[in-house]
């Protein structure tokens, strides 16, 4: 998959199927401007976004198809996040901000699974 991140006018994420060139799903990235998007290294269904005062971990549900965001709890930290690096094992995101700090975030989360009435 390929993701595109819109500018200040729309701030939308769109996930594209590279093989077909068709948009799979999309969603607003955040209520505030987003600056960066980065896929996990070993998974093709999760990525991380960051921007003004937020970091989000996303999962794609290809069966529905929908994007599911999980907001990272930043506590009292209010920074403009600008860049993301993902650890080789996909456990952590290192997010850089405008003040020069790098914040380490645990991105291991529970799976988001679609409800299926056929399952017992």
Foldseek 3Di string as FASTA:
>chain_A
DDWDADFPVQRKIWDADVVVRDTQEMDRPDPDHWADKAAQDPDPFWIWTFFFQWIWIWGADNVVGDIDIDTFDPDPDGFGWHDWDADNVRQWIWIATPVGDTDIDGPDDDDDDDDDPVDD
